[in-house]
Amino acid sequence: MLEKILNNATLMSWSKAIVNFGSAIFVMPLILAVYSPVEQAFWFLVNSIIGFALLADSGFGSVLVRAASYFKSGANYLPKSKDEYDKQAKIESDEPNYQKLTDLIATTSKIYSILTLFVILLMATGGIAFIWNIMELANHRIDFWISYAILIPTAIFMILNIRWASILRGLNFIAVEARFSTLLGVIRVIVFAVLLTFGLKPLYLVLVMFVIAVINHFYIKAKVLQWLKKNSTYNKKGIYDKQIFSSLWSATWRLVRNFMGKLLC
């Protein structure tokens, strides 16, 4: 019974969402009770900056799920649109296209390298401007600046994990990804509660965020590579595929355009 629950993609996705929501419910009262107004403001800005940094993904993650799923089904071409999809011949083989999956990883490596550089630039400029007033109010506390410095690699690992988590979900390991995220979410809430109970400052919470982001990234990445190595001869270098990039870019651009259109209407 327990095994069925743990391997149920829907239930694990719900548990992931509940834990993320519960984090705010259980941690927020402690934040308000323990931290000074300046520390509270800094913590809220830290979370806002992480949220803005993750927007750099611009929808590539959700498009990656579709791409990985498509190649896992045996396709050798990634359609740019629904019209192209309808024109494609029906996939006859159930054998995953391992070469294209490897090429997808190689292609997205370049995409996410660019996104990472963008995040670094954004946080080194706009991010600092965003928190400057709080830093002034806090008399440029050294622990605040250290926290912000740690926040940059934390955001990078979170961005990179979107790539690997999306591919893992596309390979139909949704329950695996959601289950591990749920576990890390529970650990984060417990550790945050303990640290706040002892009155420790935001720096320690940011350190926990960093450690969890690193663990999540390498675990999910290992799961994807483990599956590939188990099922095929995995070429670690892969091939940058312009067609894959073009399809990913087209689908992502449509997604962003539709989102912005709905937002502005």
Protein backbone atom coordinates (compact mmCIF):
# COMPACT_ATOMS: atom_id res chain seq x y z
CA MET A 1 0.00 0.00 0.00
CA LEU A 2 2.75 2.44 1.01
CA GLU A 3 4.74 1.56 -2.11
CA LYS A 4 1.74 2.32 -4.32
CA ILE A 5 1.30 5.71 -2.65
CA LEU A 6 5.00 6.58 -2.99
CA ASN A 7 4.97 5.62 -6.68
CA ASN A 8 1.75 7.45 -7.49
CA ALA A 9 2.65 10.53 -9.53
CA THR A 10 -0.54 12.41 -8.66
CA LEU A 11 -0.30 11.84 -4.91
CA MET A 12 3.40 12.70 -4.83
CA SER A 13 2.78 15.89 -6.83
CA TRP A 14 0.07 16.85 -4.34
CA SER A 15 2.38 16.13 -1.42
CA LYS A 16 5.06 18.31 -3.00
CA ALA A 17 2.61 21.20 -3.36
CA ILE A 18 1.26 20.71 0.18
CA VAL A 19 4.75 20.74 1.69
CA ASN A 20 5.67 23.90 -0.22
CA PHE A 21 2.48 25.56 0.99
CA GLY A 22 2.95 24.20 4.50
CA SER A 23 6.42 25.69 4.64
CA ALA A 24 4.90 29.16 4.64
CA ILE A 25 2.30 28.22 7.25
CA PHE A 26 4.74 26.72 9.76
CA VAL A 27 7.79 28.90 9.16
CA MET A 28 6.17 32.33 8.75
CA PRO A 29 4.97 32.66 12.39
CA LEU A 30 8.48 31.86 13.60
CA ILE A 31 10.00 34.40 11.21
CA LEU A 32 7.65 37.08 12.54
CA ALA A 33 8.28 36.12 16.15
CA VAL A 34 12.06 35.74 16.05
CA TYR A 35 13.34 38.27 13.52
CA SER A 36 13.48 42.03 13.80
CA PRO A 37 11.59 44.09 11.17
CA VAL A 38 14.81 44.60 9.18
CA GLU A 39 15.61 40.88 9.25
CA GLN A 40 12.05 40.05 8.22
CA ALA A 41 12.27 42.47 5.30
CA PHE A 42 15.62 40.99 4.26
CA TRP A 43 14.23 37.44 4.37
CA PHE A 44 11.20 38.39 2.29
CA LEU A 45 13.47 40.08 -0.26
CA VAL A 46 15.68 36.98 -0.40
CA ASN A 47 12.69 34.87 -1.36
CA SER A 48 11.50 37.47 -3.87
CA ILE A 49 14.92 37.55 -5.53
CA ILE A 50 14.96 33.75 -5.81
CA GLY A 51 11.53 33.91 -7.42
CA PHE A 52 12.63 36.53 -9.94
CA ALA A 53 15.84 34.62 -10.71
CA LEU A 54 13.89 31.45 -11.48
CA LEU A 55 11.87 33.42 -14.04
CA ALA A 56 15.04 33.38 -16.14
CA ASP A 57 14.02 29.85 -17.09
CA SER A 58 11.28 31.55 -19.16
CA GLY A 59 9.27 28.38 -19.65
CA PHE A 60 12.07 26.16 -20.99
CA GLY A 61 11.38 23.70 -18.17
CA SER A 62 7.81 22.88 -19.16
CA VAL A 63 8.84 22.60 -22.82
CA LEU A 64 11.66 20.23 -21.82
CA VAL A 65 9.17 17.83 -20.24
CA ARG A 66 7.40 17.49 -23.60
CA ALA A 67 10.67 17.12 -25.51
CA ALA A 68 12.02 14.37 -23.24
CA SER A 69 8.69 12.55 -23.33
CA TYR A 70 8.60 12.76 -27.12
CA PHE A 71 12.08 11.30 -27.58
CA LYS A 72 11.41 8.64 -24.96
CA SER A 73 8.48 7.49 -27.08
CA GLY A 74 10.91 6.89 -29.97
CA ALA A 75 10.57 10.08 -32.02
CA ASN A 76 13.58 11.35 -33.96
CA TYR A 77 12.21 14.84 -34.61
CA LEU A 78 10.82 17.45 -32.23
CA PRO A 79 7.95 19.40 -33.84
CA LYS A 80 7.94 23.18 -33.45
CA SER A 81 4.17 23.44 -33.39
CA LYS A 82 0.94 21.45 -33.28
CA ASP A 83 0.68 21.72 -37.07
CA GLU A 84 4.08 20.07 -37.46
CA TYR A 85 3.08 17.44 -34.92
CA ASP A 86 -0.09 16.61 -36.88
CA LYS A 87 1.93 16.24 -40.09
CA GLN A 88 4.42 13.84 -38.54
CA ALA A 89 4.07 10.15 -39.26
CA LYS A 90 2.89 8.05 -36.34
CA ILE A 91 5.75 6.74 -34.20
CA GLU A 92 5.98 3.02 -34.88
CA SER A 93 8.65 2.10 -32.34
CA ASP A 94 8.24 2.04 -28.57
CA GLU A 95 12.01 2.02 -28.15
CA PRO A 96 13.30 5.32 -26.70
CA ASN A 97 15.49 7.38 -29.00
CA TYR A 98 18.55 7.40 -26.76
CA GLN A 99 20.66 9.40 -29.19
CA LYS A 100 18.12 12.22 -29.32
CA LEU A 101 17.73 12.17 -25.55
CA THR A 102 21.50 12.52 -25.26
CA ASP A 103 21.46 15.34 -27.80
CA LEU A 104 18.66 17.00 -25.83
CA ILE A 105 20.86 17.00 -22.73
CA ALA A 106 23.81 18.42 -24.70
CA THR A 107 21.66 21.11 -26.32
CA THR A 108 20.01 22.19 -23.08
CA SER A 109 23.42 22.31 -21.41
CA LYS A 110 24.29 25.28 -23.62
CA ILE A 111 20.88 26.87 -23.06
CA TYR A 112 21.13 26.64 -19.29
CA SER A 113 24.73 27.83 -19.30
CA ILE A 114 23.49 31.04 -20.91
CA LEU A 115 20.61 31.26 -18.42
CA THR A 116 23.08 30.79 -15.57
CA LEU A 117 25.25 33.66 -16.82
CA PHE A 118 22.12 35.79 -17.12
CA VAL A 119 21.14 35.01 -13.52
CA ILE A 120 24.64 35.89 -12.27
CA LEU A 121 24.54 39.19 -14.15
CA LEU A 122 21.02 39.93 -12.94
CA MET A 123 21.81 39.24 -9.29
CA ALA A 124 25.13 41.08 -9.42
CA THR A 125 23.43 44.23 -10.70
CA GLY A 126 19.66 44.47 -10.34
CA GLY A 127 19.61 42.19 -7.31
CA ILE A 128 22.02 44.38 -5.38
CA ALA A 129 20.05 47.48 -6.33
CA PHE A 130 16.91 45.70 -5.15
CA ILE A 131 18.27 45.03 -1.65
CA TRP A 132 20.34 48.19 -1.25
CA ASN A 133 17.81 50.06 0.88
CA ILE A 134 17.55 47.14 3.29
CA MET A 135 21.33 46.95 3.47
CA GLU A 136 21.41 50.66 4.30
CA LEU A 137 18.83 50.21 7.05
CA ALA A 138 20.84 47.27 8.44
CA ASN A 139 24.09 49.29 8.32
CA HIS A 140 25.44 46.85 5.73
CA ARG A 141 25.52 43.90 8.10
CA ILE A 142 28.20 41.46 7.03
CA ASP A 143 25.92 38.45 7.56
CA PHE A 144 23.40 40.01 5.15
CA TRP A 145 26.04 40.42 2.46
CA ILE A 146 27.32 36.87 3.01
CA SER A 147 23.74 35.62 2.75
CA TYR A 148 23.29 37.41 -0.55
CA ALA A 149 26.59 36.04 -1.87
CA ILE A 150 25.43 32.50 -1.02
CA LEU A 151 22.08 33.24 -2.63
CA ILE A 152 23.69 33.56 -6.08
CA PRO A 153 24.97 29.93 -6.34
CA THR A 154 21.73 28.81 -4.68
CA ALA A 155 19.71 30.38 -7.50
CA ILE A 156 22.07 28.84 -10.06
CA PHE A 157 21.59 25.32 -8.70
CA MET A 158 17.83 25.87 -8.63
CA ILE A 159 17.87 26.96 -12.28
CA LEU A 160 20.01 23.97 -13.30
CA ASN A 161 17.72 21.63 -11.40
CA ILE A 162 14.74 22.82 -13.45
CA ARG A 163 16.51 21.33 -16.47
CA TRP A 164 17.19 17.93 -14.92
CA ALA A 165 13.85 17.70 -13.10
CA SER A 166 12.01 18.49 -16.34
CA ILE A 167 13.89 15.78 -18.23
CA LEU A 168 13.25 13.29 -15.41
CA ARG A 169 9.52 14.05 -15.51
CA GLY A 170 9.57 13.68 -19.28
CA LEU A 171 11.08 10.21 -18.83
CA ASN A 172 7.97 9.38 -16.77
CA PHE A 173 9.64 9.54 -13.37
CA ILE A 174 7.24 12.17 -12.07
CA ALA A 175 6.70 10.34 -8.78
CA VAL A 176 10.45 10.00 -8.19
CA GLU A 177 11.06 13.72 -8.66
CA ALA A 178 8.03 14.79 -6.61
CA ARG A 179 8.79 12.28 -3.84
CA PHE A 180 12.35 13.53 -3.39
CA SER A 181 11.23 17.17 -3.53
CA THR A 182 8.66 16.38 -0.84
CA LEU A 183 11.33 14.80 1.35
CA LEU A 184 13.63 17.79 0.96
CA GLY A 185 10.72 20.12 1.62
CA VAL A 186 9.93 18.38 4.91
CA ILE A 187 13.59 18.47 5.92
CA ARG A 188 13.76 22.17 5.07
CA VAL A 189 10.71 22.99 7.22
CA ILE A 190 12.07 21.00 10.18
CA VAL A 191 15.56 22.52 9.98
CA PHE A 192 14.15 26.03 9.54
CA ALA A 193 11.95 25.53 12.62
CA VAL A 194 14.90 24.31 14.71
CA LEU A 195 17.17 27.17 13.60
CA LEU A 196 14.48 29.77 14.25
CA THR A 197 13.71 28.27 17.65
CA PHE A 198 17.34 28.93 18.60
CA GLY A 199 17.07 32.46 17.21
CA LEU A 200 19.59 32.00 14.40
CA LYS A 201 19.79 34.70 11.75
CA PRO A 202 18.75 34.60 8.04
CA LEU A 203 22.29 33.59 7.03
CA TYR A 204 21.69 30.10 8.43
CA LEU A 205 18.40 29.73 6.57
CA VAL A 206 20.09 30.74 3.32
CA LEU A 207 22.82 28.16 3.98
CA VAL A 208 20.12 25.50 4.37
CA MET A 209 18.54 26.62 1.09
CA PHE A 210 21.93 26.30 -0.61
CA VAL A 211 22.63 22.81 0.72
CA ILE A 212 19.16 21.58 -0.24
CA ALA A 213 19.48 23.08 -3.74
CA VAL A 214 22.83 21.31 -4.25
CA ILE A 215 21.52 17.96 -2.98
CA ASN A 216 18.38 18.21 -5.12
CA HIS A 217 20.36 19.11 -8.24
CA PHE A 218 22.88 16.28 -8.02
CA TYR A 219 20.30 13.65 -7.01
CA ILE A 220 17.92 14.44 -9.87
CA LYS A 221 20.80 14.69 -12.35
CA ALA A 222 22.14 11.33 -11.18
CA LYS A 223 18.72 9.74 -11.68
CA VAL A 224 18.55 10.92 -15.29
CA LEU A 225 22.09 9.79 -16.14
CA GLN A 226 21.56 6.49 -14.30
CA TRP A 227 18.54 5.75 -16.49
CA LEU A 228 20.45 6.59 -19.66
CA LYS A 229 23.50 4.52 -18.74
CA LYS A 230 21.32 1.59 -17.77
CA ASN A 231 19.43 1.60 -21.05
CA SER A 232 22.03 2.69 -23.57
CA THR A 233 25.63 3.59 -24.26
CA TYR A 234 25.55 7.12 -22.95
CA ASN A 235 27.74 9.61 -24.80
CA LYS A 236 28.49 12.18 -22.13
CA LYS A 237 29.52 14.90 -24.61
CA GLY A 238 26.46 14.55 -26.78
CA ILE A 239 25.77 16.70 -29.83
CA TYR A 240 24.38 20.22 -29.96
CA ASP A 241 21.30 19.86 -32.15
CA LYS A 242 20.13 23.06 -33.85
CA GLN A 243 16.77 21.50 -34.69
CA ILE A 244 16.13 20.65 -31.04
CA PHE A 245 17.13 24.16 -29.99
CA SER A 246 14.89 25.71 -32.64
CA SER A 247 11.90 23.63 -31.51
CA LEU A 248 12.52 24.36 -27.83
CA TRP A 249 12.88 28.07 -28.53
CA SER A 250 9.73 28.24 -30.68
CA ALA A 251 7.60 26.43 -28.09
CA THR A 252 9.02 28.48 -25.22
CA TRP A 253 8.47 31.75 -27.05
CA ARG A 254 4.83 30.86 -27.70
CA LEU A 255 4.39 29.93 -24.04
CA VAL A 256 5.88 33.23 -22.82
CA ARG A 257 3.90 35.22 -25.40
CA ASN A 258 0.62 33.61 -24.37
CA PHE A 259 1.39 34.14 -20.69
CA MET A 260 2.25 37.80 -21.19
CA GLY A 261 -0.84 38.28 -23.34
CA LYS A 262 -3.09 36.91 -20.60
CA LEU A 263 -1.24 38.93 -17.98
CA LEU A 264 -1.69 42.21 -19.85
CA CYS A 265 -5.32 41.61 -20.84
